[in-house]
């Protein structure tokens, strides 16, 4: 269960980072 939660957290963090980078590029 912890592994799944960790994986989900990592995925969310990665997604947020990608969105932030794209937003910065657009700006």
PDB file of N, CA and C in Angstrom:
ATOM      1  N   UNK A   1       0.848  -1.204   0.000  1.00  0.00           N
ATOM      2  CA  UNK A   1       0.000   0.000   0.000  1.00  0.00           C
ATOM      3  C   UNK A   1       0.882   1.252   0.000  1.00  0.00           C
ATOM      4  N   UNK A   2       1.905   1.274   0.827  1.00  0.00           N
ATOM      5  CA  UNK A   2       2.777   2.462   0.887  1.00  0.00           C
ATOM      6  C   UNK A   2       3.443   2.684  -0.475  1.00  0.00           C
ATOM      7  N   UNK A   3       3.848   1.589  -1.101  1.00  0.00           N
ATOM      8  CA  UNK A   3       4.514   1.714  -2.403  1.00  0.00           C
ATOM      9  C   UNK A   3       3.568   2.370  -3.406  1.00  0.00           C
ATOM     10  N   UNK A   4       2.326   1.962  -3.387  1.00  0.00           N
ATOM     11  CA  UNK A   4       1.346   2.546  -4.319  1.00  0.00           C
ATOM     12  C   UNK A   4       1.193   4.030  -4.036  1.00  0.00           C
ATOM     13  N   UNK A   5       1.096   4.372  -2.767  1.00  0.00           N
ATOM     14  CA  UNK A   5       0.930   5.786  -2.394  1.00  0.00           C
ATOM     15  C   UNK A   5       2.159   6.583  -2.842  1.00  0.00           C
ATOM     16  N   UNK A   6       3.329   6.001  -2.640  1.00  0.00           N
ATOM     17  CA  UNK A   6       4.568   6.694  -3.033  1.00  0.00           C
ATOM     18  C   UNK A   6       4.582   6.905  -4.547  1.00  0.00           C
ATOM     19  N   UNK A   7       4.162   5.878  -5.270  1.00  0.00           N
ATOM     20  CA  UNK A   7       4.174   5.983  -6.727  1.00  0.00           C
ATOM     21  C   UNK A   7       3.204   7.084  -7.163  1.00  0.00           C
ATOM     22  N   UNK A   8       2.039   7.117  -6.538  1.00  0.00           N
ATOM     23  CA  UNK A   8       1.037   8.125  -6.895  1.00  0.00           C
ATOM     24  C   UNK A   8       1.585   9.521  -6.603  1.00  0.00           C
ATOM     25  N   UNK A   9       2.258   9.653  -5.460  1.00  0.00           N
ATOM     26  CA  UNK A   9       2.820  10.959  -5.075  1.00  0.00           C
ATOM     27  C   UNK A   9       3.866  11.382  -6.110  1.00  0.00           C
ATOM     28  N   UNK A  10       4.729  10.462  -6.480  1.00  0.00           N
ATOM     29  CA  UNK A  10       5.781  10.772  -7.457  1.00  0.00           C
ATOM     30  C   UNK A  10       5.150  11.194  -8.785  1.00  0.00           C
ATOM     31  N   UNK A  11       4.084  10.494  -9.166  1.00  0.00           N
ATOM     32  CA  UNK A  11       3.441  10.809 -10.453  1.00  0.00           C
ATOM     33  C   UNK A  11       2.831  12.206 -10.384  1.00  0.00           C
ATOM     34  N   UNK A  12       2.198  12.514  -9.272  1.00  0.00           N
ATOM     35  CA  UNK A  12       1.563  13.828  -9.128  1.00  0.00           C
ATOM     36  C   UNK A  12       2.637  14.912  -9.162  1.00  0.00           C
ATOM     37  N   UNK A  13       3.730  14.672  -8.454  1.00  0.00           N
ATOM     38  CA  UNK A  13       4.812  15.667  -8.418  1.00  0.00           C
ATOM     39  C   UNK A  13       5.380  15.878  -9.828  1.00  0.00           C
ATOM     40  N   UNK A  14       5.548  14.794 -10.533  1.00  0.00           N
ATOM     41  CA  UNK A  14       6.097  14.901 -11.895  1.00  0.00           C
ATOM     42  C   UNK A  14       5.130  15.681 -12.781  1.00  0.00           C
ATOM     43  N   UNK A  15       3.857  15.375 -12.643  1.00  0.00           N
ATOM     44  CA  UNK A  15       2.840  16.053 -13.463  1.00  0.00           C
ATOM     45  C   UNK A  15       2.865  17.553 -13.163  1.00  0.00           C
ATOM     46  N   UNK A  16       2.927  17.894 -11.887  1.00  0.00           N
ATOM     47  CA  UNK A  16       2.943  19.308 -11.491  1.00  0.00           C
ATOM     48  C   UNK A  16       4.183  19.983 -12.062  1.00  0.00           C
ATOM     49  N   UNK A  17       5.311  19.299 -12.024  1.00  0.00           N
ATOM     50  CA  UNK A  17       6.547  19.879 -12.545  1.00  0.00           C
ATOM     51  C   UNK A  17       6.415  20.120 -14.044  1.00  0.00           C
ATOM     52  N   UNK A  18       5.849  19.150 -14.755  1.00  0.00           N
ATOM     53  CA  UNK A  18       5.675  19.304 -16.209  1.00  0.00           C
ATOM     54  C   UNK A  18       4.768  20.487 -16.508  1.00  0.00           C
ATOM     55  N   UNK A  19       3.667  20.584 -15.792  1.00  0.00           N
ATOM     56  CA  UNK A  19       2.726  21.687 -16.017  1.00  0.00           C
ATOM     57  C   UNK A  19       3.414  23.015 -15.731  1.00  0.00           C
ATOM     58  N   UNK A  20       4.171  23.076 -14.643  1.00  0.00           N
ATOM     59  CA  UNK A  20       4.865  24.319 -14.286  1.00  0.00           C
ATOM     60  C   UNK A  20       5.850  24.706 -15.384  1.00  0.00           C
ATOM     61  N   UNK A  21       6.563  23.717 -15.895  1.00  0.00           N
ATOM     62  CA  UNK A  21       7.551  24.016 -16.948  1.00  0.00           C
ATOM     63  C   UNK A  21       6.832  24.527 -18.195  1.00  0.00           C
ATOM     64  N   UNK A  22       5.746  23.877 -18.559  1.00  0.00           N
ATOM     65  CA  UNK A  22       5.004  24.311 -19.755  1.00  0.00           C
ATOM     66  C   UNK A  22       4.471  25.717 -19.547  1.00  0.00           C
ATOM     67  N   UNK A  23       3.938  25.969 -18.360  1.00  0.00           N
ATOM     68  CA  UNK A  23       3.389  27.293 -18.069  1.00  0.00           C
ATOM     69  C   UNK A  23       4.493  28.351 -18.175  1.00  0.00           C
ATOM     70  N   UNK A  24       5.670  28.012 -17.664  1.00  0.00           N
ATOM     71  CA  UNK A  24       6.787  28.956 -17.719  1.00  0.00           C
ATOM     72  C   UNK A  24       7.190  29.205 -19.171  1.00  0.00           C
ATOM     73  N   UNK A  25       7.169  28.170 -19.985  1.00  0.00           N
ATOM     74  CA  UNK A  25       7.541  28.342 -21.395  1.00  0.00           C
ATOM     75  C   UNK A  25       6.525  29.228 -22.104  1.00  0.00           C
ATOM     76  N   UNK A  26       5.259  29.020 -21.808  1.00  0.00           N
ATOM     77  CA  UNK A  26       4.212  29.819 -22.464  1.00  0.00           C
ATOM     78  C   UNK A  26       4.373  31.275 -22.066  1.00  0.00           C
ATOM     79  N   UNK A  27       4.679  31.496 -20.786  1.00  0.00           N
ATOM     80  CA  UNK A  27       4.854  32.869 -20.313  1.00  0.00           C
ATOM     81  C   UNK A  27       6.170  33.348 -20.876  1.00  0.00           C
TER      82      UNK A  27
END
